[in-house]
Amino acid sequence: MSASPTPRSIAIALLWRADGALLVTSAVEPGTGRTLVRPPGGGIEPTEAAADAAVRELREELGVEISVGAPLGELEHRIAFAGRDLHELVHVFAATMAADAVIPPTTDAGHPVWWLEPERFDDPALEIVPAGLRRLLGGAEPRDGNSQR
């Protein structure tokens, strides 16, 4: 397996519930059975700003409208998944959505969507991706104006 020479640029949105749970999608890695979880988002189009990509991806994947706040950082992420080496440059944003937004049970691609409670952030059965996201989570926890209520 070899990694692509240029990382794929993606944008993800951190959406928090009032109780501190983080909105995530998940996928089970074929063969190993490990469960990978990450905040929703996706690829950035060539002429698109990262923040705009996060808004578009959540509209497409979940059918929800979000407001993107300040960027929280960028993470370079490498991972083996489904027999491929993936290399991503991940733009991470704090975001909000309306309290009455309806979250579907799956993304448009069929991946489960759920709220990851804070006590499960250290669950050994789950792998939070991208690598390095955990260190950014402390800077994005709910505070005035930055949570779904």
Protein backbone atom coordinates (compact mmCIF):
# COMPACT_ATOMS: atom_id res chain seq x y z
CA MET A 1 0.00 0.00 0.00
CA SER A 2 1.24 3.46 -0.76
CA ALA A 3 -0.04 6.86 0.27
CA SER A 4 -1.07 9.41 -2.29
CA PRO A 5 1.65 12.03 -2.89
CA THR A 6 -0.68 14.93 -2.06
CA PRO A 7 -3.01 14.80 0.94
CA ARG A 8 -6.74 15.10 0.30
CA SER A 9 -8.08 18.29 1.89
CA ILE A 10 -11.23 17.88 3.98
CA ALA A 11 -13.20 20.06 6.39
CA ILE A 12 -15.02 18.82 9.50
CA ALA A 13 -17.42 20.57 11.85
CA LEU A 14 -17.47 20.10 15.62
CA LEU A 15 -21.08 20.28 16.79
CA TRP A 16 -21.73 19.93 20.50
CA ARG A 17 -24.92 19.06 22.34
CA ALA A 18 -25.63 20.99 25.56
CA ASP A 19 -24.56 17.94 27.63
CA GLY A 20 -21.11 17.89 26.00
CA ALA A 21 -21.77 15.12 23.46
CA LEU A 22 -20.07 15.53 20.06
CA LEU A 23 -21.88 14.77 16.78
CA VAL A 24 -20.00 12.03 14.91
CA THR A 25 -20.29 9.63 12.05
CA SER A 26 -18.76 6.18 12.20
CA ALA A 27 -17.46 3.39 10.01
CA VAL A 28 -16.29 -0.10 10.82
CA GLU A 29 -13.00 -1.03 9.17
CA PRO A 30 -13.38 -4.20 7.12
CA GLY A 31 -11.19 -7.02 8.30
CA THR A 32 -10.19 -5.55 11.68
CA GLY A 33 -13.65 -4.59 12.93
CA ARG A 34 -12.32 -1.41 14.54
CA THR A 35 -14.83 1.43 14.75
CA LEU A 36 -13.60 4.80 13.53
CA VAL A 37 -15.55 7.89 14.56
CA ARG A 38 -15.14 11.44 13.33
CA PRO A 39 -17.13 14.64 13.21
CA PRO A 40 -19.10 15.08 9.98
CA GLY A 41 -17.60 16.81 6.96
CA GLY A 42 -15.87 15.95 3.75
CA GLY A 43 -13.80 16.94 0.76
CA ILE A 44 -12.96 20.49 -0.20
CA GLU A 45 -13.57 21.35 -3.86
CA PRO A 46 -10.62 22.97 -5.73
CA THR A 47 -11.96 26.56 -5.62
CA GLU A 48 -13.84 26.24 -2.31
CA ALA A 49 -12.92 27.74 1.06
CA ALA A 50 -12.59 25.15 3.83
CA ALA A 51 -15.37 26.73 5.92
CA ASP A 52 -17.71 26.73 2.92
CA ALA A 53 -16.91 23.05 2.35
CA ALA A 54 -17.92 22.20 5.92
CA VAL A 55 -21.28 23.95 5.44
CA ARG A 56 -21.88 22.27 2.07
CA GLU A 57 -20.85 18.81 3.28
CA LEU A 58 -23.21 18.89 6.27
CA ARG A 59 -26.02 20.08 4.03
CA GLU A 60 -25.31 17.22 1.58
CA GLU A 61 -24.53 14.46 4.10
CA LEU A 62 -27.02 15.26 6.86
CA GLY A 63 -29.48 17.74 5.38
CA VAL A 64 -28.71 20.30 8.13
CA GLU A 65 -27.67 23.92 7.95
CA ILE A 66 -24.76 24.97 10.16
CA SER A 67 -22.93 28.16 10.96
CA VAL A 68 -19.17 27.77 11.03
CA GLY A 69 -17.16 29.58 13.67
CA ALA A 70 -13.46 30.10 13.99
CA PRO A 71 -11.06 27.50 12.64
CA LEU A 72 -9.68 25.37 15.46
CA GLY A 73 -6.72 24.04 13.53
CA GLU A 74 -5.47 21.82 10.75
CA LEU A 75 -4.38 18.23 11.24
CA GLU A 76 -2.34 16.09 8.90
CA HIS A 77 -3.75 12.60 9.18
CA ARG A 78 -2.55 9.26 7.82
CA ILE A 79 -4.46 6.05 8.34
CA ALA A 80 -4.84 2.62 6.77
CA PHE A 81 -8.49 1.86 6.02
CA ALA A 82 -10.04 -0.84 3.85
CA GLY A 83 -6.69 -1.83 2.37
CA ARG A 84 -5.69 1.71 1.44
CA ASP A 85 -3.33 4.21 3.01
CA LEU A 86 -5.19 7.50 3.34
CA HIS A 87 -3.47 10.87 3.71
CA GLU A 88 -5.64 13.86 4.61
CA LEU A 89 -5.19 17.49 5.55
CA VAL A 90 -8.14 18.11 7.87
CA HIS A 91 -9.47 21.62 8.53
CA VAL A 92 -11.34 21.62 11.87
CA PHE A 93 -14.08 24.15 12.65
CA ALA A 94 -16.34 24.85 15.59
CA ALA A 95 -19.92 25.05 14.36
CA THR A 96 -23.48 25.56 15.54
CA MET A 97 -26.87 24.55 14.21
CA ALA A 98 -30.44 25.30 15.16
CA ALA A 99 -31.64 23.57 18.31
CA ASP A 100 -34.57 22.11 16.38
CA ALA A 101 -32.38 20.68 13.59
CA VAL A 102 -33.29 17.07 12.79
CA ILE A 103 -30.24 14.79 12.63
CA PRO A 104 -30.74 11.75 10.40
CA PRO A 105 -29.70 8.31 11.66
CA THR A 106 -27.26 7.90 8.74
CA THR A 107 -25.33 10.07 6.30
CA ASP A 108 -26.24 10.16 2.63
CA ALA A 109 -23.60 7.42 2.19
CA GLY A 110 -25.20 5.22 4.86
CA HIS A 111 -22.74 5.81 7.74
CA PRO A 112 -24.31 5.95 11.21
CA VAL A 113 -24.69 9.42 12.75
CA TRP A 114 -24.82 9.71 16.53
CA TRP A 115 -23.87 11.75 19.58
CA LEU A 116 -20.64 10.62 21.26
CA GLU A 117 -20.98 11.28 24.97
CA PRO A 118 -17.90 12.69 26.75
CA GLU A 119 -17.48 9.55 28.90
CA ARG A 120 -16.92 7.57 25.68
CA PHE A 121 -14.11 9.81 24.36
CA ASP A 122 -11.64 7.35 25.95
CA ASP A 123 -13.54 4.18 24.95
CA PRO A 124 -10.91 1.68 23.70
CA ALA A 125 -13.48 0.20 21.29
CA LEU A 126 -13.58 3.49 19.38
CA GLU A 127 -10.87 5.30 17.45
CA ILE A 128 -11.52 9.04 17.17
CA VAL A 129 -10.10 10.37 13.91
CA PRO A 130 -8.35 12.30 12.55
CA ALA A 131 -5.30 11.64 14.70
CA GLY A 132 -4.69 14.70 16.86
CA LEU A 133 -8.35 15.69 17.07
CA ARG A 134 -8.51 14.81 20.76
CA ARG A 135 -6.08 17.61 21.63
CA LEU A 136 -8.30 20.13 19.82
CA LEU A 137 -11.47 19.01 21.59
CA GLY A 138 -10.63 20.92 24.74
CA GLY A 139 -10.66 24.16 22.73
CA ALA A 140 -14.09 23.47 21.24
CA GLU A 141 -16.22 22.34 24.15
CA PRO A 142 -19.59 24.03 24.62
CA ARG A 143 -19.45 27.55 25.87
CA ASP A 144 -21.64 30.61 25.38
CA GLY A 145 -22.94 30.58 21.82
CA ASN A 146 -21.10 27.41 20.78
CA SER A 147 -23.50 24.61 21.52
CA GLN A 148 -26.72 23.21 20.22
CA ARG A 149 -29.44 23.95 22.72
